Amino acid sequence: MTLYPAFVTLLALFVPPPQVSQAPAASDAVAKAQAVVAALAAGQVERVDAQFTDKMKAALPPGGIGPIWTDLVAKVGALQKQVSAREQESGGLRIGIVTCAFERATLDVTVVFDQQGRIAGFFMRPVTAATAPYALPAYADAASFTERDVTVGSGEWPLPGTLSLPNGDGPFPVVILVHGSGPNDRDETLGADKPFKDLASGLASRGIAVLRYDKRTNVHGARMATTSNLTVKQEVTDDVSAAVAAARASARVDPKRIFVLGHSLGGMLIPRIGAADPSLAGVIVMAGAARPLEQAIVEQYTYLASADGVITPEEQKQIDEAKQAMETIRALTPADAAAGKTISGAPAAYWLDLRGYDPPTAAKGLTQPMLVLQGERDYQVTMEEFARWKAALKSRPNVTLKSYPALNHLFISGTGKSLPAEYATPGHVAQEVIEDIARWIKQEAGGRR
């Protein structure tokens, strides 16, 4: 649930971009990627379809990339020009990355080619370098904490991360940050905003250590894209366990006061994370999704299409296609998973793993203290979902719930109806949120020394 969510959620979560290294030699990947972009902009979808590998054809039906491009243009405006292009490689795959200026955003279009020159992956995401350099929020004191590089996990899936430590010997309570959907970096960079970097600096300034790391789909995306049995265990929860172990290994972190904070998809998975490790001192849900993902996709399409008061025929077609995909997902069987079937770019195993999972109900069985936070202007995870958390957890005495009228999905303040363009404006997680989290962690950590 990321920038331009009705589009990017699908592509970012289910067709992740590869982790890449600079290519040692040139090939035609750049020219081929530029041609793909030009074909899409000209409406020549069939030229792109014809280049797909069998796996890509299974992920997207014939012509399926056309509505994706059309939906993107509806959100960010028409393509103005191809600004630049570069080439990389990973594991024998050649990758062309084309930086494209649209009317209202600049995006990197990544096209992955196999050794036969066929399209093996396709991904678009906002250029992470904002026009203005990132500046710490006013509530953060850079002199009060330090940061050092850490590695989360080992062996097959190591992830680079950052541990923010308050000045002093400690040991300090620590909170581990768990991303929303998509191949997020450790800052959870979305357009011009870096909510996890805000959380880390704000909390570390208040005596709380923070561990954040690049998501597995960001670092090892090319390999994960070929995982036919992918579930949220491989995408998210295995690495949370590794992050907890990394935090416990720090001499300046108190192993009895480890908290986990999940945002969006990460918040949705907090009940699984808490159940897997009852020793956690507490868990925090920020904009925790409570709807099935396939339902959320349909409702986000509908919200965005109707935001201007008119649903065009093309927008209605996209909504109808999303509804059809939802019905297909709901009809999946274990046999589909065994056969490697893919729907909307995700393997059947992914959808089946989440079938019947009700995060608020699952949270009722946790023993750890919980803090549940929600922005009232959030259209990606709605107040109706927050109401479900409240209803499910009302009988638990160690649960605190709070919503913020002016905040959006990133817990950044705004006015009026929240729309994707809002994420292109630099902002910071609201200070009130930082203060509430810090106060709650210190309260809960105080009894676990």
Protein backbone atom coordinates (compact mmCIF):
# COMPACT_ATOMS: atom_id res chain seq x y z
CA MET A 1 0.00 0.00 0.00
CA THR A 2 2.23 2.59 -1.36
CA LEU A 3 2.38 5.61 -3.63
CA TYR A 4 -0.41 5.53 -6.23
CA PRO A 5 -1.69 2.49 -4.32
CA ALA A 6 -4.35 1.11 -6.62
CA PHE A 7 -1.59 0.64 -9.20
CA VAL A 8 1.64 0.33 -7.29
CA THR A 9 0.31 -2.06 -4.65
CA LEU A 10 -0.24 -4.68 -7.32
CA LEU A 11 3.05 -4.24 -9.11
CA ALA A 12 5.20 -3.45 -6.09
CA LEU A 13 3.92 -6.35 -4.01
CA PHE A 14 3.50 -9.02 -6.61
CA VAL A 15 6.10 -8.30 -9.29
CA PRO A 16 8.97 -7.00 -7.18
CA PRO A 17 11.95 -5.28 -8.77
CA PRO A 18 15.26 -7.10 -8.68
CA GLN A 19 18.12 -6.19 -6.42
CA VAL A 20 20.77 -5.14 -8.86
CA SER A 21 24.45 -4.40 -9.20
CA GLN A 22 26.03 -2.23 -11.83
CA ALA A 23 26.45 -4.10 -15.10
CA PRO A 24 30.05 -4.76 -16.07
CA ALA A 25 29.37 -4.44 -19.78
CA ALA A 26 26.85 -2.78 -22.01
CA SER A 27 24.03 -4.53 -23.86
CA ASP A 28 20.82 -3.44 -25.50
CA ALA A 29 18.75 -3.55 -22.29
CA VAL A 30 18.49 0.24 -22.15
CA ALA A 31 17.34 0.55 -25.76
CA LYS A 32 14.86 -2.29 -25.32
CA ALA A 33 13.47 -0.77 -22.12
CA GLN A 34 13.11 2.62 -23.80
CA ALA A 35 11.24 0.94 -26.63
CA VAL A 36 8.89 -0.73 -24.15
CA VAL A 37 8.09 2.62 -22.56
CA ALA A 38 7.52 4.21 -25.97
CA ALA A 39 5.21 1.37 -27.01
CA LEU A 40 3.13 1.66 -23.86
CA ALA A 41 2.85 5.42 -24.23
CA ALA A 42 1.69 4.92 -27.84
CA GLY A 43 -0.90 2.33 -26.82
CA GLN A 44 0.95 -0.48 -28.62
CA VAL A 45 0.32 -3.02 -25.87
CA GLU A 46 0.57 -6.02 -28.16
CA ARG A 47 4.22 -5.18 -28.94
CA VAL A 48 5.00 -5.44 -25.23
CA ASP A 49 2.89 -8.57 -24.65
CA ALA A 50 4.76 -10.34 -27.43
CA GLN A 51 8.02 -10.01 -25.50
CA PHE A 52 6.79 -11.55 -22.22
CA THR A 53 8.23 -14.76 -20.80
CA ASP A 54 5.73 -17.52 -20.03
CA LYS A 55 5.80 -16.54 -16.36
CA MET A 56 4.94 -12.94 -17.19
CA LYS A 57 2.16 -14.10 -19.50
CA ALA A 58 0.74 -16.12 -16.61
CA ALA A 59 0.94 -13.10 -14.33
CA LEU A 60 -0.72 -10.72 -16.78
CA PRO A 61 -3.33 -11.82 -19.36
CA PRO A 62 -3.00 -10.61 -22.96
CA GLY A 63 -3.38 -6.85 -22.97
CA GLY A 64 -3.27 -6.77 -19.16
CA ILE A 65 -0.40 -4.33 -19.02
CA GLY A 66 -2.45 -1.79 -20.98
CA PRO A 67 -4.94 -0.99 -18.18
CA ILE A 68 -2.05 -0.79 -15.73
CA TRP A 69 -0.39 1.90 -17.82
CA THR A 70 -3.71 3.67 -18.38
CA ASP A 71 -4.40 3.66 -14.65
CA LEU A 72 -0.96 5.09 -13.96
CA VAL A 73 -1.51 7.90 -16.47
CA ALA A 74 -4.85 8.67 -14.82
CA LYS A 75 -3.00 9.20 -11.53
CA VAL A 76 0.16 11.01 -12.65
CA GLY A 77 -0.71 12.47 -16.04
CA ALA A 78 0.64 11.72 -19.49
CA LEU A 79 4.26 10.83 -20.18
CA GLN A 80 6.17 14.01 -21.02
CA LYS A 81 9.59 12.57 -21.81
CA GLN A 82 12.14 9.89 -21.02
CA VAL A 83 14.60 11.81 -18.87
CA SER A 84 17.43 9.29 -18.65
CA ALA A 85 18.19 5.58 -18.74
CA ARG A 86 20.67 3.22 -17.20
CA GLU A 87 21.50 -0.46 -17.26
CA GLN A 88 22.15 -2.99 -14.51
CA GLU A 89 22.27 -6.75 -14.13
CA SER A 90 21.45 -9.43 -11.58
CA GLY A 91 21.98 -13.16 -11.82
CA GLY A 92 22.18 -13.21 -15.60
CA LEU A 93 19.21 -10.89 -16.03
CA ARG A 94 19.72 -7.60 -17.89
CA ILE A 95 17.79 -4.65 -16.51
CA GLY A 96 16.90 -1.39 -18.21
CA ILE A 97 15.75 1.45 -15.95
CA VAL A 98 14.13 4.42 -17.67
CA THR A 99 13.47 7.56 -15.64
CA CYS A 100 10.24 9.05 -16.99
CA ALA A 101 8.76 12.49 -16.38
CA PHE A 102 4.97 12.40 -16.25
CA GLU A 103 2.84 15.50 -15.79
CA ARG A 104 2.62 15.13 -12.00
CA ALA A 105 5.41 12.74 -11.02
CA THR A 106 8.76 11.29 -12.05
CA LEU A 107 8.95 7.50 -12.05
CA ASP A 108 11.57 4.88 -12.74
CA VAL A 109 10.26 2.25 -15.17
CA THR A 110 12.25 -0.96 -14.74
CA VAL A 111 12.14 -3.68 -17.39
CA VAL A 112 13.94 -6.98 -16.69
CA PHE A 113 15.11 -9.12 -19.62
CA ASP A 114 16.15 -12.77 -19.50
CA GLN A 115 19.07 -14.21 -21.45
CA GLN A 116 16.87 -14.58 -24.53
CA GLY A 117 15.88 -10.90 -24.37
CA ARG A 118 12.32 -11.60 -23.24
CA ILE A 119 10.60 -9.44 -20.62
CA ALA A 120 10.89 -11.29 -17.31
CA GLY A 121 9.84 -8.46 -15.01
CA PHE A 122 8.24 -5.04 -15.11
CA PHE A 123 8.09 -2.48 -12.35
CA MET A 124 7.37 1.21 -11.84
CA ARG A 125 7.97 3.28 -8.74
CA PRO A 126 8.53 6.91 -7.84
CA VAL A 127 12.05 8.23 -8.08
CA THR A 128 13.27 8.22 -4.49
CA ALA A 129 15.42 11.32 -4.73
CA ALA A 130 13.06 14.17 -3.85
CA THR A 131 13.53 17.64 -5.29
CA ALA A 132 14.56 18.92 -1.86
CA PRO A 133 16.97 16.82 0.23
CA TYR A 134 15.51 15.09 3.25
CA ALA A 135 15.72 17.14 6.42
CA LEU A 136 15.15 15.81 9.91
CA PRO A 137 11.81 16.84 11.38
CA ALA A 138 11.87 19.63 13.95
CA TYR A 139 11.07 17.17 16.72
CA ALA A 140 14.28 15.18 16.11
CA ASP A 141 17.57 16.12 17.78
CA ALA A 142 20.45 14.84 15.65
CA ALA A 143 22.90 15.39 18.51
CA SER A 144 21.00 13.04 20.83
CA PHE A 145 21.51 9.78 18.93
CA THR A 146 23.83 7.98 16.53
CA GLU A 147 23.20 5.49 13.75
CA ARG A 148 25.18 2.49 12.60
CA ASP A 149 24.84 -0.07 9.85
CA VAL A 150 23.65 -3.55 10.76
CA THR A 151 22.79 -6.71 8.85
CA VAL A 152 19.47 -8.41 9.46
CA GLY A 153 19.56 -12.14 8.79
CA SER A 154 22.33 -14.18 7.26
CA GLY A 155 22.92 -16.95 4.77
CA GLU A 156 20.56 -16.74 1.80
CA TRP A 157 18.66 -13.54 2.63
CA PRO A 158 20.84 -10.91 4.39
CA LEU A 159 19.31 -7.44 4.57
CA PRO A 160 21.12 -4.14 5.16
CA GLY A 161 19.69 -2.05 7.98
CA THR A 162 20.23 0.85 10.34
CA LEU A 163 20.19 0.83 14.13
CA SER A 164 19.47 4.25 15.67
CA LEU A 165 20.80 4.41 19.23
CA PRO A 166 20.25 7.16 21.80
CA ASN A 167 23.43 8.56 23.33
CA GLY A 168 24.52 6.76 26.47
CA ASP A 169 25.34 3.25 27.56
CA GLY A 170 21.80 1.87 27.69
CA PRO A 171 20.51 -0.72 27.50
CA PHE A 172 17.60 0.93 25.71
CA PRO A 173 14.19 -0.32 24.68
CA VAL A 174 14.08 -0.87 20.94
CA VAL A 175 11.34 -0.83 18.34
CA ILE A 176 11.64 -2.75 15.06
CA LEU A 177 9.86 -1.22 12.06
CA VAL A 178 7.96 -3.48 9.63
CA HIS A 179 7.06 -2.09 6.20
CA GLY A 180 3.86 -1.89 4.24
CA SER A 181 3.41 -3.67 0.90
CA GLY A 182 5.89 -3.22 -1.89
CA PRO A 183 9.69 -3.46 -2.11
CA ASN A 184 10.32 -0.78 0.50
CA ASP A 185 13.66 0.54 1.59
CA ARG A 186 14.49 0.93 5.28
CA ASP A 187 13.02 4.46 5.34
CA GLU A 188 9.76 3.27 3.72
CA THR A 189 10.34 5.97 1.13
CA LEU A 190 7.12 6.93 -0.63
CA GLY A 191 7.49 9.79 -3.07
CA ALA A 192 8.94 12.72 -1.14
CA ASP A 193 8.32 11.19 2.28
CA LYS A 194 10.32 8.86 4.54
CA PRO A 195 8.03 7.89 7.42
CA PHE A 196 10.34 5.23 8.89
CA LYS A 197 13.26 7.66 8.95
CA ASP A 198 10.98 10.13 10.77
CA LEU A 199 10.00 7.47 13.30
CA ALA A 200 13.61 6.43 13.85
CA SER A 201 14.94 9.94 14.44
CA GLY A 202 11.96 11.01 16.53
CA LEU A 203 11.99 7.99 18.81
CA ALA A 204 15.80 7.84 19.12
CA SER A 205 15.69 11.48 20.20
CA ARG A 206 13.43 10.33 23.03
CA GLY A 207 15.62 7.54 24.39
CA ILE A 208 14.25 4.64 22.31
CA ALA A 209 16.44 2.65 19.91
CA VAL A 210 15.02 1.88 16.47
CA LEU A 211 15.98 -0.86 14.01
CA ARG A 212 14.87 -0.51 10.40
CA TYR A 213 16.02 -2.46 7.35
CA ASP A 214 15.47 -2.85 3.61
CA LYS A 215 12.67 -5.25 2.79
CA ARG A 216 13.49 -8.62 1.25
CA THR A 217 11.61 -7.77 -1.95
CA ASN A 218 13.78 -4.66 -2.25
CA VAL A 219 17.10 -6.45 -1.77
CA HIS A 220 16.42 -9.88 -3.29
CA GLY A 221 13.57 -9.04 -5.64
CA ALA A 222 14.80 -10.90 -8.72
CA ARG A 223 15.03 -14.21 -6.86
CA MET A 224 11.78 -13.69 -5.01
CA ALA A 225 9.95 -13.01 -8.27
CA THR A 226 10.68 -16.61 -9.25
CA THR A 227 9.40 -18.07 -5.94
CA SER A 228 6.22 -19.92 -6.91
CA ASN A 229 5.17 -20.63 -3.30
CA LEU A 230 5.76 -17.10 -1.98
CA THR A 231 3.76 -16.12 1.11
CA VAL A 232 3.99 -13.32 3.67
CA LYS A 233 6.22 -15.59 5.72
CA GLN A 234 9.03 -15.25 3.18
CA GLU A 235 8.10 -11.68 2.27
CA VAL A 236 7.82 -10.28 5.80
CA THR A 237 7.63 -12.35 8.96
CA ASP A 238 10.81 -14.43 8.63
CA ASP A 239 12.81 -11.21 8.45
CA VAL A 240 11.05 -9.74 11.48
CA SER A 241 12.33 -12.72 13.48
CA ALA A 242 15.82 -12.08 12.11
CA ALA A 243 15.55 -8.40 13.06
CA VAL A 244 14.56 -9.32 16.63
CA ALA A 245 17.64 -11.54 16.82
CA ALA A 246 19.82 -8.71 15.47
CA ALA A 247 18.43 -6.31 18.07
CA ARG A 248 19.06 -8.77 20.90
CA ALA A 249 22.68 -9.05 19.77
CA SER A 250 23.33 -5.37 20.50
CA ALA A 251 24.87 -4.72 23.91
CA ARG A 252 23.07 -1.36 24.13
CA VAL A 253 19.62 -2.87 23.56
CA ASP A 254 17.60 -4.39 26.40
CA PRO A 255 16.55 -7.88 25.18
CA LYS A 256 13.54 -7.79 27.53
CA ARG A 257 12.20 -4.57 26.00
CA ILE A 258 11.87 -5.29 22.29
CA PHE A 259 8.81 -3.89 20.51
CA VAL A 260 7.64 -4.40 16.93
CA LEU A 261 5.79 -1.72 14.94
CA GLY A 262 4.03 -2.65 11.72
CA HIS A 263 2.66 -0.18 9.17
CA SER A 264 -0.10 -1.06 6.68
CA LEU A 265 0.65 -4.63 5.53
CA GLY A 266 3.14 -4.81 8.41
CA GLY A 267 0.36 -3.77 10.79
CA MET A 268 -1.93 -6.36 9.27
CA LEU A 269 0.67 -9.02 10.13
CA ILE A 270 1.31 -7.87 13.71
CA PRO A 271 -1.00 -10.58 15.14
CA ARG A 272 1.08 -13.25 13.40
CA ILE A 273 4.32 -11.59 14.48
CA GLY A 274 3.17 -11.32 18.10
CA ALA A 275 1.94 -14.92 18.19
CA ALA A 276 5.26 -16.16 16.80
CA ASP A 277 7.25 -14.41 19.56
CA PRO A 278 5.34 -14.05 22.86
CA SER A 279 8.51 -12.65 24.49
CA LEU A 280 8.07 -9.33 22.70
CA ALA A 281 7.47 -6.49 25.15
CA GLY A 282 4.67 -5.07 23.01
CA VAL A 283 3.41 -4.55 19.47
CA ILE A 284 2.23 -1.46 17.60
CA VAL A 285 -0.20 -1.36 14.67
CA MET A 286 -0.10 1.73 12.45
CA ALA A 287 -2.83 1.76 9.78
CA GLY A 288 -3.15 -2.00 10.05
CA ALA A 289 -5.13 -3.43 7.15
CA ALA A 290 -8.13 -5.47 8.25
CA ARG A 291 -9.71 -6.23 4.87
CA PRO A 292 -8.64 -9.00 2.50
CA LEU A 293 -6.05 -7.53 0.13
CA GLU A 294 -8.07 -8.37 -2.97
CA GLN A 295 -11.05 -6.46 -1.54
CA ALA A 296 -8.86 -3.51 -0.63
CA ILE A 297 -7.56 -3.33 -4.22
CA VAL A 298 -11.10 -3.09 -5.60
CA GLU A 299 -12.12 -0.47 -3.07
CA GLN A 300 -9.00 1.63 -3.68
CA TYR A 301 -9.65 1.59 -7.44
CA THR A 302 -13.22 2.69 -6.78
CA TYR A 303 -12.19 5.47 -4.38
CA LEU A 304 -9.63 6.93 -6.75
CA ALA A 305 -11.87 6.64 -9.80
CA SER A 306 -14.72 8.45 -8.05
CA ALA A 307 -12.54 11.11 -6.37
CA ASP A 308 -13.38 13.69 -9.05
CA GLY A 309 -17.09 12.82 -8.98
CA VAL A 310 -17.07 11.02 -12.34
CA ILE A 311 -16.15 7.42 -13.12
CA THR A 312 -15.10 7.23 -16.76
CA PRO A 313 -15.73 4.11 -18.89
CA GLU A 314 -12.03 3.28 -18.73
CA GLU A 315 -12.02 3.62 -14.94
CA GLN A 316 -15.13 1.46 -14.70
CA LYS A 317 -13.40 -1.17 -16.83
CA GLN A 318 -10.48 -1.19 -14.42
CA ILE A 319 -12.83 -1.55 -11.45
CA ASP A 320 -14.63 -4.43 -13.17
CA GLU A 321 -11.34 -6.16 -13.94
CA ALA A 322 -10.26 -5.78 -10.31
CA LYS A 323 -13.57 -7.29 -9.19
CA GLN A 324 -13.09 -10.20 -11.56
CA ALA A 325 -9.59 -10.76 -10.19
CA MET A 326 -11.04 -10.68 -6.66
CA GLU A 327 -13.55 -13.38 -7.54
CA THR A 328 -10.83 -15.47 -9.14
CA ILE A 329 -8.68 -15.13 -6.03
CA ARG A 330 -11.56 -16.16 -3.80
CA ALA A 331 -12.09 -19.29 -5.90
CA LEU A 332 -8.46 -20.47 -5.70
CA THR A 333 -7.79 -23.98 -4.40
CA PRO A 334 -4.69 -25.75 -3.08
CA ALA A 335 -4.47 -27.45 -6.46
CA ASP A 336 -3.95 -24.03 -8.04
CA ALA A 337 -1.03 -23.43 -5.69
CA ALA A 338 0.46 -26.82 -6.50
CA ALA A 339 0.18 -26.01 -10.20
CA GLY A 340 1.96 -22.68 -9.72
CA LYS A 341 -1.03 -20.61 -10.79
CA THR A 342 -0.56 -16.85 -10.61
CA ILE A 343 -3.28 -14.22 -10.16
CA SER A 344 -2.60 -10.49 -10.51
CA GLY A 345 1.09 -11.28 -10.45
CA ALA A 346 1.01 -13.15 -7.12
CA PRO A 347 1.25 -16.92 -6.77
CA ALA A 348 -1.87 -18.70 -5.60
CA ALA A 349 0.04 -19.72 -2.46
CA TYR A 350 0.22 -16.04 -1.42
CA TRP A 351 -3.52 -15.51 -1.66
CA LEU A 352 -4.35 -18.84 0.00
CA ASP A 353 -2.01 -18.09 2.90
CA LEU A 354 -4.06 -14.98 3.73
CA ARG A 355 -7.48 -16.53 3.11
CA GLY A 356 -9.56 -16.40 6.26
CA TYR A 357 -6.94 -14.37 8.10
CA ASP A 358 -8.75 -11.76 10.20
CA PRO A 359 -6.09 -9.57 11.87
CA PRO A 360 -8.32 -7.98 14.57
CA THR A 361 -9.75 -11.35 15.57
CA ALA A 362 -6.28 -12.91 15.59
CA ALA A 363 -5.04 -10.05 17.79
CA LYS A 364 -7.52 -11.03 20.50
CA GLY A 365 -5.32 -14.03 21.25
CA LEU A 366 -2.13 -12.06 21.84
CA THR A 367 -0.85 -11.50 25.34
CA GLN A 368 1.46 -8.55 24.65
CA PRO A 369 0.38 -4.95 25.20
CA MET A 370 -0.84 -3.37 21.95
CA LEU A 371 -0.98 0.17 20.59
CA VAL A 372 -3.24 0.65 17.54
CA LEU A 373 -3.04 3.97 15.64
CA GLN A 374 -5.00 5.22 12.64
CA GLY A 375 -5.12 8.33 10.44
CA GLU A 376 -8.72 9.40 9.85
CA ARG A 377 -7.96 10.73 6.34
CA ASP A 378 -6.45 7.40 5.27
CA TYR A 379 -8.22 5.87 2.26
CA GLN A 380 -5.85 2.92 1.90
CA VAL A 381 -6.62 1.55 5.35
CA THR A 382 -9.91 3.05 6.38
CA MET A 383 -11.64 4.11 9.57
CA GLU A 384 -14.01 1.18 9.04
CA GLU A 385 -11.01 -1.10 9.47
CA PHE A 386 -9.94 0.80 12.58
CA ALA A 387 -13.46 0.24 13.94
CA ARG A 388 -12.93 -3.50 13.49
CA TRP A 389 -9.73 -3.36 15.56
CA LYS A 390 -11.63 -1.44 18.27
CA ALA A 391 -14.53 -3.87 18.32
CA ALA A 392 -12.30 -6.95 18.45
CA LEU A 393 -9.99 -5.63 21.17
CA LYS A 394 -12.44 -3.76 23.41
CA SER A 395 -12.29 -6.43 26.12
CA ARG A 396 -8.47 -6.45 26.34
CA PRO A 397 -7.21 -4.20 29.15
CA ASN A 398 -3.68 -3.82 27.76
CA VAL A 399 -4.70 -2.34 24.39
CA THR A 400 -4.60 1.37 23.55
CA LEU A 401 -6.29 2.70 20.40
CA LYS A 402 -6.14 6.21 18.97
CA SER A 403 -7.03 7.94 15.69
CA TYR A 404 -5.90 11.31 14.33
CA PRO A 405 -8.39 13.46 12.35
CA ALA A 406 -5.88 15.26 10.09
CA LEU A 407 -3.51 12.39 9.24
CA ASN A 408 -3.25 10.26 6.09
CA HIS A 409 -1.90 6.76 5.50
CA LEU A 410 1.66 7.89 6.26
CA PHE A 411 0.52 9.70 9.43
CA ILE A 412 1.36 13.02 7.80
CA SER A 413 -1.03 15.91 8.29
CA GLY A 414 -3.17 17.29 5.47
CA THR A 415 -6.57 18.70 4.63
CA GLY A 416 -9.47 17.58 2.50
CA LYS A 417 -9.78 14.26 0.72
CA SER A 418 -6.53 12.29 0.70
CA LEU A 419 -5.26 11.48 -2.81
CA PRO A 420 -2.02 9.97 -4.19
CA ALA A 421 -0.64 13.36 -5.24
CA GLU A 422 -0.41 14.23 -1.54
CA TYR A 423 2.56 11.89 -1.21
CA ALA A 424 4.57 13.94 -3.68
CA THR A 425 4.68 16.84 -1.19
CA PRO A 426 7.43 16.51 1.44
CA GLY A 427 6.12 16.06 4.96
CA HIS A 428 6.88 14.33 8.24
CA VAL A 429 5.10 11.92 10.52
CA ALA A 430 3.16 14.13 12.95
CA GLN A 431 4.92 14.95 16.21
CA GLU A 432 1.81 13.88 18.13
CA VAL A 433 2.28 10.35 16.79
CA ILE A 434 5.95 10.29 17.81
CA GLU A 435 5.07 11.50 21.31
CA ASP A 436 2.26 8.96 21.71
CA ILE A 437 4.44 6.04 20.62
CA ALA A 438 7.37 7.14 22.81
CA ARG A 439 5.11 7.62 25.84
CA TRP A 440 3.48 4.23 25.38
CA ILE A 441 6.77 2.37 24.88
CA LYS A 442 8.31 3.93 27.98
CA GLN A 443 5.21 3.07 29.99
CA GLU A 444 5.22 -0.55 28.88
CA ALA A 445 9.02 -0.89 28.99
CA GLY A 446 9.15 0.45 32.55
CA GLY A 447 7.61 -2.70 33.94
CA ARG A 448 9.97 -5.08 32.11
CA ARG A 449 13.37 -4.06 33.42
